[in-house]
Amino acid sequence: MRALVLSLASALVLVAPAAADDDDQASSAPAAAALATARAALAATPQTASRAGAAQVPARGTGLDATLALRDLFLLRGDLSATDREDADALLARPTDSWDSDAFDRGSKVRCREHVCVHFVTSGPDAATLAWVRRTLKVMEATWATEVGRLGYRRPLSDGSLGRPANGGDGRFDVYLTQLADQGLYGYCAPDFRLTARPQVGGGYCVLDDDFARAEYGAAPAETLRVTAAHEFFHAVQFAYDYTEDAWFMESTATWMEEVVADKVDDNRQYLRAGQVRHPELPLDESTPGSLAVYGQWAFWQHVQDEANAAVVRRAWRQAGAYAGAGQTFSIRATTRALAPEGGFVRAYARFAADNLTPGRAYEEGRTWPSAPVETHTLGVGTPTWTRTSTLDHLTSSSVLVRPASRVTDGYRLVVEVDAQRAEVASAAYVVVVRRADGTLTRRLVTADEAGLASVSVPFDHGTVQAVSVTLVNASTRYRCDRGSVWSCEGTPRDDGLEQTLTVTATPVG
């Protein structure tokens, strides 16, 4: 095995992981776990898909995520024993490298265009047709044109300085076509070099299936290619910002990018039931390994795009970037900075949580989406008041729907009162939405005062108001970072388990 190390005078040289030390030592527990996860991700056993018609491969994201598994392995490679490092290098290597764990078993060919080179073989288990190679190259160039060209994201780092054969032939971005269906995969990207002066900034390559056959993937090959290219290439873009970022941030924005690049494919809808659209009790920034929520949170970015613009996502990645001139911070803080010019994070998050009660009204394609759960009550003359206390963790919400009884006539109003624990530091807020009988909605964002109290009065007569929804939000973004958690900055949330007491009262006026 060779170590790809460059020693150039520049402070921003490209360098692959260092070679193993002569004095071997045991792998650390986190590094050993990362190696085991990467092995499992690249050796997954195909399952029956949940999507209709798919014969072998599970829906994307239902198995181990190969991109993040290889990212973690690359990060922790230096904490492995010499023997384990050799195994790690075999997993991280490109298919054209002889020590790759799934290397091409014969000489490969390459076809290139302006920005991308596609590597392939024409015989054996990984064989791809020239027509499919041309299609892949066209799709990858179009994806580049959208994500880097039109949307303005950083281009993947060039690997030109690595030299041949380590860089695939030149500095253009490399994509390798192999048979992935038998591994339960659609595609993945792997980092294989980083900047010495900015070690959180790196580059790598992508691997995609060699034909995306309908018999294996259950969908039109061209559509599967487009949506996979959109998602995986954006991971390569992310590497140029900070490949060490939080998993939820990397996966949710990559899944959102599918909607931007391949809007008509709609493959990402399958994840919505795992994210906050359906489960508002799960924190937005949860990055639990194997959780589908990291994909389902793409709806948050779609909501941000719809209410502000798509540039907010790019600004968030710039704030998260680890390169010179970038924000150099972690995912949630980067997001709050990006949303500051758009009315702030609390407003954006609270409106997102409230709109998930009626996705058909809030999102262009929301009529096919699941919706957030809501507890429903009816208030009348005999039972005018109802109270509930909710315990909310950071970046979660809870909603109730209150209906006026038939005897709640003209002149009635609904008084909504909230008593929120530690409201100021936890950014407690709530959104009141009046659903009128004529189909119109009126939203009102309310934040608690320093004492944690808030009150608002809205129309509530049965003749004109169908219902009033109240969405309580804990929008806290405070953490004690670097604690090894599954939240942002691997930190411990400082404002979990906070209580908010809601009281609603139907009150006659006058």
Protein backbone atom coordinates (compact mmCIF):
# COMPACT_ATOMS: atom_id res chain seq x y z
CA MET A 1 0.00 0.00 0.00
CA ARG A 2 1.25 3.48 -0.82
CA ALA A 3 0.56 6.67 1.04
CA LEU A 4 -0.39 9.61 -1.13
CA VAL A 5 1.45 12.45 0.51
CA LEU A 6 2.43 15.71 -1.12
CA SER A 7 4.93 18.09 0.36
CA LEU A 8 4.61 21.41 -1.42
CA ALA A 9 5.66 24.83 -0.28
CA SER A 10 2.16 26.26 -0.38
CA ALA A 11 0.19 26.50 2.86
CA LEU A 12 -2.82 25.07 1.05
CA VAL A 13 -1.45 21.84 -0.25
CA LEU A 14 -3.58 18.80 -0.91
CA VAL A 15 -2.74 15.82 1.18
CA ALA A 16 -4.16 12.36 1.61
CA PRO A 17 -4.04 10.61 5.01
CA ALA A 18 -0.58 10.01 6.46
CA ALA A 19 1.04 6.60 6.27
CA ALA A 20 0.89 4.19 9.19
CA ASP A 21 3.39 4.61 12.00
CA ASP A 22 6.04 1.95 12.40
CA ASP A 23 5.08 1.54 16.05
CA ASP A 24 1.61 0.01 15.79
CA GLN A 25 -1.00 0.64 18.46
CA ALA A 26 -4.51 -0.58 19.00
CA SER A 27 -7.37 1.24 17.27
CA SER A 28 -9.36 3.62 19.42
CA ALA A 29 -12.95 2.57 20.10
CA PRO A 30 -14.50 5.36 17.95
CA ALA A 31 -12.13 4.60 15.07
CA ALA A 32 -12.81 0.86 15.27
CA ALA A 33 -16.54 1.58 15.25
CA ALA A 34 -16.15 3.83 12.21
CA LEU A 35 -14.27 1.07 10.40
CA ALA A 36 -16.96 -1.47 11.23
CA THR A 37 -19.70 0.89 10.06
CA ALA A 38 -17.92 1.61 6.77
CA ARG A 39 -17.42 -2.10 6.16
CA ALA A 40 -21.12 -2.71 6.76
CA ALA A 41 -22.17 0.21 4.57
CA LEU A 42 -20.20 -1.07 1.59
CA ALA A 43 -21.17 -4.68 2.13
CA ALA A 44 -24.88 -4.17 2.76
CA THR A 45 -27.26 -6.97 1.86
CA PRO A 46 -29.99 -5.83 -0.52
CA GLN A 47 -33.50 -5.83 0.90
CA THR A 48 -36.95 -5.73 -0.61
CA ALA A 49 -37.72 -2.12 -1.33
CA SER A 50 -40.63 -0.23 0.15
CA ARG A 51 -41.24 1.46 -3.17
CA ALA A 52 -43.61 -0.32 -5.52
CA GLY A 53 -41.88 -2.29 -8.22
CA ALA A 54 -38.39 -2.37 -6.74
CA ALA A 55 -37.11 -5.91 -6.72
CA GLN A 56 -33.90 -5.75 -4.74
CA VAL A 57 -32.54 -2.44 -3.52
CA PRO A 58 -34.08 -0.64 -0.54
CA ALA A 59 -35.22 2.94 -0.80
CA ARG A 60 -32.25 5.28 -0.54
CA GLY A 61 -31.43 6.01 3.06
CA THR A 62 -33.08 2.93 4.54
CA GLY A 63 -29.70 1.30 5.07
CA LEU A 64 -26.34 2.53 6.33
CA ASP A 65 -25.24 5.77 4.72
CA ALA A 66 -22.05 5.02 2.80
CA THR A 67 -21.02 8.66 2.27
CA LEU A 68 -21.08 9.59 5.95
CA ALA A 69 -19.65 6.22 6.96
CA LEU A 70 -16.63 6.82 4.71
CA ARG A 71 -16.42 10.43 5.90
CA ASP A 72 -16.21 9.26 9.50
CA LEU A 73 -13.63 6.65 8.59
CA PHE A 74 -11.49 9.24 6.81
CA LEU A 75 -11.70 11.51 9.87
CA LEU A 76 -10.67 8.78 12.31
CA ARG A 77 -8.17 6.92 10.14
CA GLY A 78 -5.23 8.22 12.20
CA ASP A 79 -6.66 6.54 15.32
CA LEU A 80 -6.57 3.07 13.77
CA SER A 81 -3.92 0.42 14.19
CA ALA A 82 -1.61 -0.17 11.22
CA THR A 83 -3.56 -3.26 10.20
CA ASP A 84 -6.90 -1.50 10.49
CA ARG A 85 -5.52 1.46 8.53
CA GLU A 86 -4.80 -0.85 5.62
CA ASP A 87 -8.40 -2.05 5.75
CA ALA A 88 -9.61 1.54 5.94
CA ASP A 89 -7.52 2.54 2.95
CA ALA A 90 -9.03 -0.31 0.96
CA LEU A 91 -12.49 1.03 1.72
CA LEU A 92 -11.58 4.64 1.00
CA ALA A 93 -9.68 3.90 -2.22
CA ARG A 94 -11.07 4.58 -5.67
CA PRO A 95 -12.20 1.63 -7.80
CA THR A 96 -9.19 2.19 -10.06
CA ASP A 97 -6.80 1.63 -7.13
CA SER A 98 -5.57 -1.95 -6.90
CA TRP A 99 -6.00 -2.00 -3.11
CA ASP A 100 -9.61 -0.85 -3.25
CA SER A 101 -11.93 -3.33 -1.53
CA ASP A 102 -14.19 -3.31 -4.59
CA ALA A 103 -11.70 -2.48 -7.34
CA PHE A 104 -12.37 -2.91 -11.03
CA ASP A 105 -11.21 -6.40 -12.00
CA ARG A 106 -9.86 -5.20 -15.35
CA GLY A 107 -8.56 -2.05 -17.01
CA SER A 108 -10.89 0.93 -16.88
CA LYS A 109 -11.72 3.56 -19.47
CA VAL A 110 -12.57 7.20 -18.98
CA ARG A 111 -14.72 9.79 -20.73
CA CYS A 112 -14.53 13.45 -19.77
CA ARG A 113 -16.24 16.78 -20.39
CA GLU A 114 -15.51 20.23 -19.05
CA HIS A 115 -15.79 19.53 -15.32
CA VAL A 116 -16.35 15.79 -14.86
CA CYS A 117 -14.67 12.53 -15.82
CA VAL A 118 -16.56 9.22 -15.72
CA HIS A 119 -14.51 6.04 -15.19
CA PHE A 120 -15.94 2.68 -16.23
CA VAL A 121 -15.29 -0.81 -17.54
CA THR A 122 -17.05 -2.47 -20.47
CA SER A 123 -16.96 -6.07 -19.26
CA GLY A 124 -17.25 -7.98 -16.01
CA PRO A 125 -19.68 -7.40 -13.12
CA ASP A 126 -19.21 -3.61 -13.19
CA ALA A 127 -19.71 -3.22 -16.93
CA ALA A 128 -21.43 -0.07 -18.21
CA THR A 129 -22.53 0.61 -21.75
CA LEU A 130 -21.09 3.58 -23.63
CA ALA A 131 -24.61 5.00 -23.91
CA TRP A 132 -24.98 4.93 -20.12
CA VAL A 133 -21.55 6.50 -19.67
CA ARG A 134 -22.54 9.36 -21.98
CA ARG A 135 -25.83 9.79 -20.11
CA THR A 136 -24.06 9.83 -16.73
CA LEU A 137 -21.56 12.38 -17.98
CA LYS A 138 -24.34 14.59 -19.32
CA VAL A 139 -26.31 14.38 -16.06
CA MET A 140 -23.25 15.11 -13.92
CA GLU A 141 -22.34 18.15 -16.02
CA ALA A 142 -25.94 19.40 -15.76
CA THR A 143 -25.85 18.85 -11.99
CA TRP A 144 -22.60 20.82 -11.79
CA ALA A 145 -24.16 23.60 -13.87
CA THR A 146 -27.10 23.85 -11.45
CA GLU A 147 -25.38 23.47 -8.08
CA VAL A 148 -22.13 25.31 -8.82
CA GLY A 149 -23.15 27.47 -11.76
CA ARG A 150 -26.72 28.66 -11.20
CA LEU A 151 -26.93 28.32 -7.40
CA GLY A 152 -23.40 29.57 -6.77
CA TYR A 153 -22.01 26.88 -4.43
CA ARG A 154 -18.28 26.24 -4.20
CA ARG A 155 -17.00 23.74 -6.71
CA PRO A 156 -15.48 20.50 -5.41
CA LEU A 157 -11.78 20.83 -4.74
CA SER A 158 -9.60 19.89 -7.69
CA ASP A 159 -7.39 16.85 -7.09
CA GLY A 160 -4.97 17.88 -9.83
CA SER A 161 -2.06 18.40 -7.45
CA LEU A 162 -2.25 14.78 -6.31
CA GLY A 163 -0.82 13.69 -9.65
CA ARG A 164 -1.49 10.56 -11.66
CA PRO A 165 -2.85 8.00 -11.06
CA ALA A 166 -4.12 9.19 -7.67
CA ASN A 167 -6.25 11.95 -9.19
CA GLY A 168 -7.93 9.83 -11.84
CA GLY A 169 -5.89 11.39 -14.62
CA ASP A 170 -6.28 15.15 -14.09
CA GLY A 171 -7.93 17.72 -11.83
CA ARG A 172 -11.49 17.25 -13.03
CA PHE A 173 -14.09 15.71 -10.72
CA ASP A 174 -14.12 11.92 -10.90
CA VAL A 175 -17.17 9.65 -10.97
CA TYR A 176 -16.81 5.86 -11.05
CA LEU A 177 -19.49 3.47 -12.30
CA THR A 178 -19.76 0.14 -10.52
CA GLN A 179 -22.45 -2.41 -9.75
CA LEU A 180 -23.93 -1.12 -6.48
CA ALA A 181 -27.33 -2.80 -6.45
CA ASP A 182 -25.85 -5.94 -4.92
CA GLN A 183 -24.63 -3.76 -2.03
CA GLY A 184 -27.98 -2.10 -1.49
CA LEU A 185 -26.58 1.26 -2.60
CA TYR A 186 -27.47 3.93 -5.15
CA GLY A 187 -24.25 5.91 -4.90
CA TYR A 188 -21.84 7.54 -2.50
CA CYS A 189 -19.05 10.07 -2.32
CA ALA A 190 -15.89 9.65 -0.29
CA PRO A 191 -13.28 12.19 0.82
CA ASP A 192 -9.73 11.12 0.02
CA PHE A 193 -7.67 14.28 0.47
CA ARG A 194 -7.78 17.48 2.50
CA LEU A 195 -6.01 20.84 2.75
CA THR A 196 -3.11 20.92 5.16
CA ALA A 197 -3.79 24.51 6.21
CA ARG A 198 -7.55 23.88 6.44
CA PRO A 199 -7.89 20.22 7.42
CA GLN A 200 -11.68 20.36 7.60
CA VAL A 201 -11.83 21.23 3.91
CA GLY A 202 -11.38 18.31 1.55
CA GLY A 203 -12.18 16.68 -1.72
CA GLY A 204 -12.80 13.26 -3.13
CA TYR A 205 -14.77 11.33 -5.69
CA CYS A 206 -18.20 9.75 -6.24
CA VAL A 207 -19.35 6.25 -7.16
CA LEU A 208 -22.69 5.66 -8.90
CA ASP A 209 -24.41 2.50 -10.09
CA ASP A 210 -23.45 1.31 -13.56
CA ASP A 211 -26.98 1.26 -15.00
CA PHE A 212 -29.67 1.89 -12.33
CA ALA A 213 -31.66 -0.92 -13.91
CA ARG A 214 -35.41 -0.72 -13.29
CA ALA A 215 -35.42 -4.40 -12.29
CA GLU A 216 -33.04 -3.55 -9.45
CA TYR A 217 -34.16 -0.04 -8.44
CA GLY A 218 -37.85 -0.04 -9.31
CA ALA A 219 -37.85 3.23 -11.23
CA ALA A 220 -36.84 4.65 -14.59
CA PRO A 221 -33.01 4.51 -14.78
CA ALA A 222 -32.72 8.10 -16.01
CA GLU A 223 -34.78 9.43 -13.08
CA THR A 224 -32.84 7.41 -10.52
CA LEU A 225 -29.58 8.70 -11.98
CA ARG A 226 -30.72 12.34 -11.86
CA VAL A 227 -31.86 12.30 -8.27
CA THR A 228 -28.84 10.31 -7.05
CA ALA A 229 -26.44 12.61 -8.89
CA ALA A 230 -28.10 15.68 -7.36
CA HIS A 231 -27.77 14.29 -3.84
CA GLU A 232 -24.33 12.73 -4.00
CA PHE A 233 -22.63 15.50 -5.96
CA PHE A 234 -23.82 17.96 -3.34
CA HIS A 235 -21.90 15.95 -0.77
CA ALA A 236 -18.77 16.57 -2.84
CA VAL A 237 -19.67 20.27 -2.81
CA GLN A 238 -20.09 20.12 0.97
CA PHE A 239 -16.59 18.66 1.32
CA ALA A 240 -15.26 21.94 -0.11
CA TYR A 241 -16.97 23.81 2.74
CA ASP A 242 -16.41 21.48 5.71
CA TYR A 243 -16.62 17.72 5.32
CA THR A 244 -16.75 17.31 9.12
CA GLU A 245 -20.12 19.05 9.49
CA ASP A 246 -23.10 17.63 11.39
CA ALA A 247 -24.82 14.71 9.65
CA TRP A 248 -28.32 16.23 9.78
CA PHE A 249 -27.03 19.37 8.02
CA MET A 250 -25.20 17.43 5.33
CA GLU A 251 -28.01 14.99 4.59
CA SER A 252 -30.99 17.34 4.89
CA THR A 253 -29.49 19.88 2.49
CA ALA A 254 -28.38 17.15 0.07
CA THR A 255 -31.91 15.71 0.08
CA TRP A 256 -33.35 19.20 -0.43
CA MET A 257 -31.01 19.57 -3.42
CA GLU A 258 -32.84 16.65 -5.03
CA GLU A 259 -35.93 18.86 -5.09
CA VAL A 260 -33.98 21.69 -6.70
CA VAL A 261 -32.21 19.65 -9.38
CA ALA A 262 -34.72 16.83 -10.01
CA ASP A 263 -38.02 18.29 -8.83
CA LYS A 264 -40.27 15.96 -10.83
CA VAL A 265 -38.71 12.74 -9.50
CA ASP A 266 -40.06 13.22 -5.92
CA ASP A 267 -37.97 10.40 -4.49
CA ASN A 268 -37.30 12.46 -1.36
CA ARG A 269 -40.95 12.34 -0.28
CA GLN A 270 -40.34 8.91 1.19
CA TYR A 271 -38.36 10.49 4.04
CA LEU A 272 -40.95 13.05 5.14
CA ARG A 273 -42.61 10.64 7.58
CA ALA A 274 -39.28 10.32 9.42
CA GLY A 275 -38.66 14.06 9.81
CA GLN A 276 -40.40 16.91 11.59
CA VAL A 277 -43.21 17.14 9.08
CA ARG A 278 -44.58 14.02 10.77
CA HIS A 279 -42.56 13.92 14.01
CA PRO A 280 -42.24 17.43 15.47
CA GLU A 281 -41.18 15.89 18.78
CA LEU A 282 -37.81 14.87 17.28
CA PRO A 283 -35.24 17.71 17.37
CA LEU A 284 -34.47 19.20 13.98
CA ASP A 285 -30.73 18.63 14.39
CA GLU A 286 -30.79 14.98 15.44
CA SER A 287 -27.95 13.05 13.77
CA THR A 288 -28.45 9.60 15.25
CA PRO A 289 -26.65 7.03 13.06
CA GLY A 290 -29.10 5.15 10.88
CA SER A 291 -31.93 7.61 11.50
CA LEU A 292 -33.99 8.58 8.45
CA ALA A 293 -34.84 11.89 10.12
CA VAL A 294 -31.65 13.46 8.74
CA TYR A 295 -33.14 13.02 5.26
CA GLY A 296 -36.68 14.00 6.22
CA GLN A 297 -35.56 17.38 7.53
CA TRP A 298 -35.13 18.54 3.92
CA ALA A 299 -38.62 20.00 4.32
CA PHE A 300 -37.18 22.69 6.60
CA TRP A 301 -34.96 23.97 3.80
CA GLN A 302 -37.83 23.80 1.35
CA HIS A 303 -39.87 25.95 3.72
CA VAL A 304 -36.98 28.39 4.04
CA GLN A 305 -36.71 28.57 0.26
CA ASP A 306 -40.45 29.13 -0.15
CA GLU A 307 -40.65 31.87 2.51
CA ALA A 308 -37.32 33.57 1.76
CA ASN A 309 -35.18 32.21 -1.07
CA ALA A 310 -32.84 29.36 -1.93
CA ALA A 311 -29.80 31.57 -1.30
CA VAL A 312 -30.34 31.13 2.46
CA VAL A 313 -29.12 27.54 2.19
CA ARG A 314 -25.97 28.65 0.41
CA ARG A 315 -25.42 31.33 3.04
CA ALA A 316 -25.79 28.70 5.76
CA TRP A 317 -23.10 26.56 4.15
CA ARG A 318 -20.83 29.57 3.80
CA GLN A 319 -21.27 30.27 7.51
CA ALA A 320 -20.47 26.62 8.23
CA GLY A 321 -17.45 26.63 5.93
CA ALA A 322 -13.99 26.05 7.40
CA TYR A 323 -12.04 27.85 4.65
CA ALA A 324 -10.55 31.34 4.90
CA GLY A 325 -13.25 33.99 4.87
CA ALA A 326 -16.07 31.58 5.78
CA GLY A 327 -18.05 31.60 9.02
CA GLN A 328 -16.24 28.60 10.51
CA THR A 329 -19.06 27.62 12.83
CA PHE A 330 -21.37 24.62 13.31
CA SER A 331 -24.61 23.80 11.54
CA ILE A 332 -27.31 25.39 13.70
CA ARG A 333 -25.32 28.53 14.41
CA ALA A 334 -24.60 28.79 10.68
CA THR A 335 -28.31 28.46 10.01
CA THR A 336 -29.25 31.18 12.50
CA ARG A 337 -26.73 33.54 10.93
CA ALA A 338 -28.03 32.81 7.43
CA LEU A 339 -31.62 33.49 8.51
CA ALA A 340 -30.85 36.72 10.39
CA PRO A 341 -31.65 38.95 7.37
CA GLU A 342 -34.92 37.05 6.79
CA GLY A 343 -36.53 37.80 10.16
CA GLY A 344 -34.44 35.42 12.24
CA PHE A 345 -34.28 31.72 13.01
CA VAL A 346 -37.04 31.69 15.65
CA ARG A 347 -39.54 33.12 13.18
CA ALA A 348 -38.49 30.73 10.40
CA TYR A 349 -38.55 27.66 12.63
CA ALA A 350 -41.86 28.50 14.32
CA ARG A 351 -43.62 29.14 11.02
CA PHE A 352 -42.20 25.90 9.62
CA ALA A 353 -43.56 23.97 12.61
CA ALA A 354 -47.00 25.57 12.31
CA ASP A 355 -47.22 25.11 8.54
CA ASN A 356 -46.59 21.38 8.87
CA LEU A 357 -50.15 21.07 10.20
CA THR A 358 -51.40 22.04 6.73
CA PRO A 359 -48.67 21.06 4.24
CA GLY A 360 -51.17 21.16 1.38
CA ARG A 361 -51.47 24.91 1.96
CA ALA A 362 -47.84 25.59 2.84
CA TYR A 363 -45.91 23.72 0.16
CA GLU A 364 -46.39 23.66 -3.60
CA GLU A 365 -46.50 19.85 -3.64
CA GLY A 366 -47.69 19.47 -0.05
CA ARG A 367 -51.03 17.85 -0.88
CA THR A 368 -49.24 14.52 -1.08
CA TRP A 369 -47.25 15.05 2.14
CA PRO A 370 -47.96 13.70 5.62
CA SER A 371 -48.87 16.27 8.27
CA ALA A 372 -47.87 16.92 11.86
CA PRO A 373 -50.03 15.40 14.62
CA VAL A 374 -52.37 17.74 16.45
CA GLU A 375 -54.51 17.35 19.57
CA THR A 376 -58.07 18.58 18.93
CA HIS A 377 -60.57 20.08 21.41
CA THR A 378 -63.91 21.84 21.15
CA LEU A 379 -64.73 24.80 23.39
CA GLY A 380 -68.28 25.87 24.11
CA VAL A 381 -70.38 27.90 26.46
CA GLY A 382 -70.37 25.17 29.11
CA THR A 383 -66.68 24.25 28.68
CA PRO A 384 -65.00 27.50 27.70
CA THR A 385 -61.46 26.73 28.95
CA TRP A 386 -58.87 24.05 28.29
CA THR A 387 -55.29 23.80 29.60
CA ARG A 388 -52.34 21.62 28.64
CA THR A 389 -48.69 21.53 29.69
CA SER A 390 -46.18 20.40 27.08
CA THR A 391 -42.57 19.42 27.72
CA LEU A 392 -40.45 20.40 24.74
CA ASP A 393 -36.84 19.61 23.91
CA HIS A 394 -34.74 21.97 21.80
CA LEU A 395 -35.88 22.51 18.20
CA THR A 396 -39.18 20.68 18.68
CA SER A 397 -42.82 21.73 18.67
CA SER A 398 -46.26 20.63 19.75
CA SER A 399 -49.65 21.70 18.38
CA VAL A 400 -53.29 21.81 19.43
CA LEU A 401 -56.41 22.59 17.40
CA VAL A 402 -59.36 24.28 19.08
CA ARG A 403 -62.81 24.35 17.47
CA PRO A 404 -65.72 26.60 18.46
CA ALA A 405 -68.95 24.78 19.42
CA SER A 406 -72.13 25.76 17.59
CA ARG A 407 -73.28 27.99 20.47
CA VAL A 408 -70.06 30.01 20.33
CA THR A 409 -71.62 32.79 18.27
CA ASP A 410 -70.74 36.18 16.87
CA GLY A 411 -68.71 38.26 19.27
CA TYR A 412 -66.74 35.40 20.83
CA ARG A 413 -62.97 35.50 20.86
CA LEU A 414 -60.36 32.93 21.84
CA VAL A 415 -57.84 34.09 24.41
CA VAL A 416 -54.59 32.15 24.07
CA GLU A 417 -52.20 32.32 27.02
CA VAL A 418 -48.80 30.68 27.40
CA ASP A 419 -46.59 30.37 30.46
CA ALA A 420 -43.19 29.19 29.24
CA GLN A 421 -40.36 27.97 31.45
CA ARG A 422 -37.08 29.86 30.85
CA ALA A 423 -38.67 31.40 27.79
CA GLU A 424 -36.02 34.02 27.02
CA VAL A 425 -33.01 31.70 26.84
CA ALA A 426 -34.98 28.89 25.20
CA SER A 427 -36.49 31.19 22.54
CA ALA A 428 -40.01 30.02 23.41
CA ALA A 429 -42.56 31.06 20.81
CA TYR A 430 -45.89 30.04 19.46
CA VAL A 431 -47.83 30.49 16.25
CA VAL A 432 -51.57 31.02 16.30
CA VAL A 433 -53.33 30.24 13.04
CA VAL A 434 -56.96 31.21 12.58
CA ARG A 435 -58.62 28.92 10.04
CA ARG A 436 -61.65 30.74 8.71
CA ALA A 437 -64.72 29.09 7.26
CA ASP A 438 -64.02 30.70 3.87
CA GLY A 439 -60.72 28.78 3.67
CA THR A 440 -58.37 31.64 4.47
CA LEU A 441 -55.66 31.38 7.11
CA THR A 442 -54.26 34.10 9.34
CA ARG A 443 -50.95 33.43 11.09
CA ARG A 444 -49.62 35.28 14.09
CA LEU A 445 -46.20 34.71 15.68
CA VAL A 446 -45.97 35.48 19.38
CA THR A 447 -42.87 35.34 21.59
CA ALA A 448 -42.97 35.18 25.36
CA ASP A 449 -41.75 38.08 27.46
CA GLU A 450 -38.89 37.91 29.96
CA ALA A 451 -41.21 36.33 32.52
CA GLY A 452 -42.20 33.63 30.04
CA LEU A 453 -45.74 34.94 29.59
CA ALA A 454 -47.61 35.67 26.40
CA SER A 455 -51.21 36.31 25.50
CA VAL A 456 -53.18 36.98 22.35
CA SER A 457 -56.86 37.20 21.46
CA VAL A 458 -58.26 36.08 18.08
CA PRO A 459 -61.75 35.73 16.52
CA PHE A 460 -63.58 32.53 17.52
CA ASP A 461 -67.23 32.69 16.49
CA HIS A 462 -68.64 29.50 14.97
CA GLY A 463 -70.11 31.29 11.97
CA THR A 464 -66.81 32.53 10.53
CA VAL A 465 -64.05 30.53 12.26
CA GLN A 466 -63.57 26.84 11.58
CA ALA A 467 -60.74 26.33 14.09
CA VAL A 468 -57.70 27.92 15.69
CA SER A 469 -54.41 26.04 15.87
CA VAL A 470 -51.67 26.85 18.35
CA THR A 471 -48.13 25.57 17.80
CA LEU A 472 -45.76 25.79 20.76
CA VAL A 473 -42.06 25.92 19.92
CA ASN A 474 -38.78 25.49 21.78
CA ALA A 475 -36.40 27.19 19.33
CA SER A 476 -33.34 27.01 21.56
CA THR A 477 -29.99 26.83 19.79
CA ARG A 478 -27.81 26.76 22.91
CA TYR A 479 -25.32 23.89 23.36
CA ARG A 480 -22.28 22.86 25.30
CA CYS A 481 -20.29 21.69 22.30
CA ASP A 482 -17.92 18.74 21.82
CA ARG A 483 -19.63 16.36 24.24
CA GLY A 484 -19.90 13.47 21.79
CA SER A 485 -23.66 13.77 21.34
CA VAL A 486 -25.88 13.30 18.28
CA TRP A 487 -26.87 17.00 18.24
CA SER A 488 -25.29 20.02 16.59
CA CYS A 489 -21.57 20.51 17.28
CA GLU A 490 -21.76 17.14 19.07
CA GLY A 491 -23.01 19.21 21.97
CA THR A 492 -25.36 18.85 24.90
CA PRO A 493 -28.52 20.94 24.42
CA ARG A 494 -28.87 23.42 27.28
CA ASP A 495 -32.64 23.87 27.15
CA ASP A 496 -34.21 20.43 26.78
CA GLY A 497 -37.25 19.34 28.79
CA LEU A 498 -38.72 22.80 29.23
CA GLU A 499 -42.41 23.16 30.07
CA GLN A 500 -44.88 25.40 28.30
CA THR A 501 -48.41 25.64 29.72
CA LEU A 502 -51.10 26.60 27.24
CA THR A 503 -54.52 27.89 28.30
CA VAL A 504 -57.23 28.66 25.75
CA THR A 505 -60.51 30.30 26.70
CA ALA A 506 -63.58 31.06 24.61
CA THR A 507 -64.69 34.49 25.82
CA PRO A 508 -67.72 36.56 24.83
CA VAL A 509 -66.90 40.18 24.06
CA GLY A 510 -69.10 43.00 25.27
